[in-house]
Amino acid sequence: QAEATLQSLEAAREANKLTREVSIASERPWLNIDVSPLKSPLEGQDWIIRASLFNAGRSPALGVKVRISFSLQDLPFSIPDLGPCIEPCQTSAIFPGPTSWGYSPKIPAASMTPEEIEKIRSGKRTAVLQARIDYADNYGAPRFTHKCYWYDQAVGSLTTCRGGNSAN
């Protein structure tokens, strides 16, 4: 009988653990970011990016930090380390859910010389944009969302990087 009681106690512990995990997942903030250019990077002018953030969760995200970085890479490319933030970097003490907001960082035209633009046009290089959101949930657990996009000259727009998107 003692063995049956121990098994029953262990089953109850597992059920409680699963219930807690489901509760956290259903009530926590879930931040996502979409990045899209407002014009082509090949125009030789500043490249303005639209970053749209969404909290699809049921609770606020705390200590939100958003970083978007830009780099030029030879094709084919490996996802580079996340570079410094393109100003203006965004922070927010609280990002309620469910809600969204956006901002428009700018990549200066000087970041892409005429030679770099020609390499992009010829398919030898590409522009890589990465976005990362770091935040905490209402239990204080650290969370993040990371997205990677590259400029596909053949399509004429940003395409999601293979294997470069993750969240916890």
Protein backbone atom coordinates (compact mmCIF):
# COMPACT_ATOMS: atom_id res chain seq x y z
CA GLN A 1 0.00 0.00 0.00
CA ALA A 2 2.91 2.36 0.71
CA GLU A 3 4.18 1.80 -2.84
CA ALA A 4 0.77 2.69 -4.29
CA THR A 5 0.66 5.85 -2.14
CA LEU A 6 4.13 6.90 -3.37
CA GLN A 7 3.11 6.29 -6.98
CA SER A 8 -0.06 8.30 -6.47
CA LEU A 9 1.92 11.15 -4.88
CA GLU A 10 4.41 11.18 -7.77
CA ALA A 11 1.57 11.22 -10.33
CA ALA A 12 -0.01 14.18 -8.49
CA ARG A 13 3.34 16.05 -8.54
CA GLU A 14 3.70 15.47 -12.28
CA ALA A 15 0.13 16.62 -12.89
CA ASN A 16 0.74 19.79 -10.85
CA LYS A 17 3.96 20.49 -12.74
CA LEU A 18 2.20 20.07 -16.09
CA THR A 19 -0.70 22.29 -14.98
CA ARG A 20 1.74 25.01 -13.91
CA GLU A 21 3.64 24.84 -17.23
CA VAL A 22 0.39 25.07 -19.23
CA SER A 23 -0.78 27.99 -17.08
CA ILE A 24 2.49 29.89 -17.60
CA ALA A 25 2.45 29.25 -21.35
CA SER A 26 -1.15 30.40 -21.72
CA GLU A 27 -0.80 33.51 -19.54
CA ARG A 28 2.73 34.71 -20.36
CA PRO A 29 3.67 37.40 -22.88
CA TRP A 30 4.57 36.20 -26.38
CA LEU A 31 6.49 38.89 -28.27
CA ASN A 32 7.05 38.78 -32.00
CA ILE A 33 8.65 41.21 -34.41
CA ASP A 34 8.20 41.70 -38.14
CA VAL A 35 10.69 43.77 -40.12
CA SER A 36 9.99 45.12 -43.57
CA PRO A 37 11.70 47.73 -45.71
CA LEU A 38 9.71 50.78 -46.67
CA LYS A 39 11.71 50.91 -49.92
CA SER A 40 14.40 48.95 -51.74
CA PRO A 41 17.94 49.09 -50.35
CA LEU A 42 19.23 49.50 -53.88
CA GLU A 43 18.06 53.05 -54.43
CA GLY A 44 21.27 54.56 -53.01
CA GLN A 45 19.33 56.44 -50.35
CA ASP A 46 18.73 55.83 -46.67
CA TRP A 47 17.01 52.48 -46.19
CA ILE A 48 14.09 52.94 -43.80
CA ILE A 49 12.89 49.82 -42.05
CA ARG A 50 9.51 49.33 -40.41
CA ALA A 51 9.69 47.22 -37.27
CA SER A 52 6.34 46.05 -35.90
CA LEU A 53 6.23 44.43 -32.48
CA PHE A 54 3.34 42.36 -31.19
CA ASN A 55 2.55 40.97 -27.78
CA ALA A 56 0.15 38.13 -28.52
CA GLY A 57 0.20 36.98 -24.91
CA ARG A 58 -2.18 37.64 -22.07
CA SER A 59 0.21 39.46 -19.75
CA PRO A 60 2.67 42.32 -20.09
CA ALA A 61 6.28 41.81 -21.11
CA LEU A 62 8.68 43.48 -18.68
CA GLY A 63 12.00 45.22 -19.37
CA VAL A 64 11.60 45.00 -23.15
CA LYS A 65 14.72 45.71 -25.22
CA VAL A 66 14.54 45.69 -29.02
CA ARG A 67 17.64 45.51 -31.18
CA ILE A 68 17.76 45.58 -34.98
CA SER A 69 21.09 45.17 -36.74
CA PHE A 70 22.27 45.32 -40.35
CA SER A 71 25.22 43.75 -42.13
CA LEU A 72 26.36 43.06 -45.68
CA GLN A 73 27.29 39.44 -46.38
CA ASP A 74 28.74 37.49 -49.30
CA LEU A 75 26.38 34.90 -50.78
CA PRO A 76 25.87 32.21 -49.71
CA PHE A 77 26.00 33.52 -46.13
CA SER A 78 25.94 32.16 -42.63
CA ILE A 79 23.84 34.08 -40.14
CA PRO A 80 26.26 36.60 -38.62
CA ASP A 81 26.48 37.57 -34.97
CA LEU A 82 23.92 40.17 -34.03
CA GLY A 83 25.62 43.51 -34.59
CA PRO A 84 25.11 46.82 -32.82
CA CYS A 85 21.64 48.29 -32.74
CA ILE A 86 20.48 50.57 -35.53
CA GLU A 87 19.43 53.80 -33.83
CA PRO A 88 16.96 54.49 -32.44
CA CYS A 89 17.20 51.43 -30.21
CA GLN A 90 13.93 50.84 -28.39
CA THR A 91 13.29 49.97 -24.78
CA SER A 92 10.08 49.82 -22.80
CA ALA A 93 9.56 49.10 -19.12
CA ILE A 94 6.23 47.39 -19.78
CA PHE A 95 4.70 46.18 -23.04
CA PRO A 96 1.10 45.15 -22.29
CA GLY A 97 -0.59 42.28 -24.02
CA PRO A 98 -2.26 41.80 -26.37
CA THR A 99 -1.07 44.91 -28.19
CA SER A 100 1.35 46.12 -30.86
CA TRP A 101 3.60 49.09 -31.64
CA GLY A 102 6.19 49.95 -34.22
CA TYR A 103 9.07 52.20 -35.10
CA SER A 104 11.24 52.93 -38.12
CA PRO A 105 15.01 52.70 -37.77
CA LYS A 106 17.09 54.00 -40.68
CA ILE A 107 20.16 52.45 -42.34
CA PRO A 108 22.20 55.37 -43.73
CA ALA A 109 22.91 55.32 -47.47
CA ALA A 110 26.62 55.49 -46.63
CA SER A 111 26.33 51.93 -45.26
CA MET A 112 26.02 50.67 -48.83
CA THR A 113 28.53 52.06 -51.30
CA PRO A 114 27.77 51.98 -55.05
CA GLU A 115 30.15 48.99 -55.25
CA GLU A 116 28.20 47.15 -52.54
CA ILE A 117 24.91 47.91 -54.26
CA GLU A 118 26.30 46.53 -57.54
CA LYS A 119 27.39 43.34 -55.74
CA ILE A 120 23.87 42.98 -54.33
CA ARG A 121 22.34 43.54 -57.78
CA SER A 122 24.65 40.94 -59.28
CA GLY A 123 23.77 38.38 -56.59
CA LYS A 124 27.25 38.27 -55.01
CA ARG A 125 26.27 39.94 -51.71
CA THR A 126 23.17 40.55 -49.67
CA ALA A 127 21.90 42.79 -46.89
CA VAL A 128 21.05 40.92 -43.68
CA LEU A 129 18.69 42.37 -41.08
CA GLN A 130 18.30 40.81 -37.67
CA ALA A 131 15.88 41.70 -34.91
CA ARG A 132 15.98 40.55 -31.30
CA ILE A 133 13.62 41.26 -28.44
CA ASP A 134 14.71 40.50 -24.88
CA TYR A 135 12.14 40.67 -22.09
CA ALA A 136 10.89 39.00 -18.92
CA ASP A 137 7.55 37.41 -18.24
CA ASN A 138 5.43 38.13 -15.16
CA TYR A 139 7.27 35.36 -13.27
CA GLY A 140 10.63 37.06 -13.98
CA ALA A 141 11.79 34.38 -16.43
CA PRO A 142 13.99 35.77 -19.22
CA ARG A 143 12.48 35.46 -22.71
CA PHE A 144 13.62 36.38 -26.22
CA THR A 145 12.53 36.41 -29.84
CA HIS A 146 15.12 36.50 -32.65
CA LYS A 147 14.36 36.98 -36.36
CA CYS A 148 16.69 37.10 -39.34
CA TYR A 149 15.93 38.40 -42.84
CA TRP A 150 18.04 38.77 -45.97
CA TYR A 151 17.47 40.82 -49.11
CA ASP A 152 16.75 38.44 -51.98
CA GLN A 153 17.59 40.32 -55.19
CA ALA A 154 15.70 37.76 -57.30
CA VAL A 155 12.49 38.45 -55.37
CA GLY A 156 13.20 42.11 -54.66
CA SER A 157 12.33 41.92 -50.98
CA LEU A 158 13.35 40.54 -47.60
CA THR A 159 13.18 36.80 -47.11
CA THR A 160 13.35 34.93 -43.80
CA CYS A 161 16.76 33.37 -43.09
CA ARG A 162 16.81 29.60 -42.88
CA GLY A 163 17.47 28.54 -39.30
CA GLY A 164 17.77 32.10 -38.01
CA ASN A 165 14.50 32.47 -36.16
CA SER A 166 13.99 31.39 -32.58
CA ALA A 167 12.11 32.19 -29.39
CA ASN A 168 11.70 30.84 -25.89
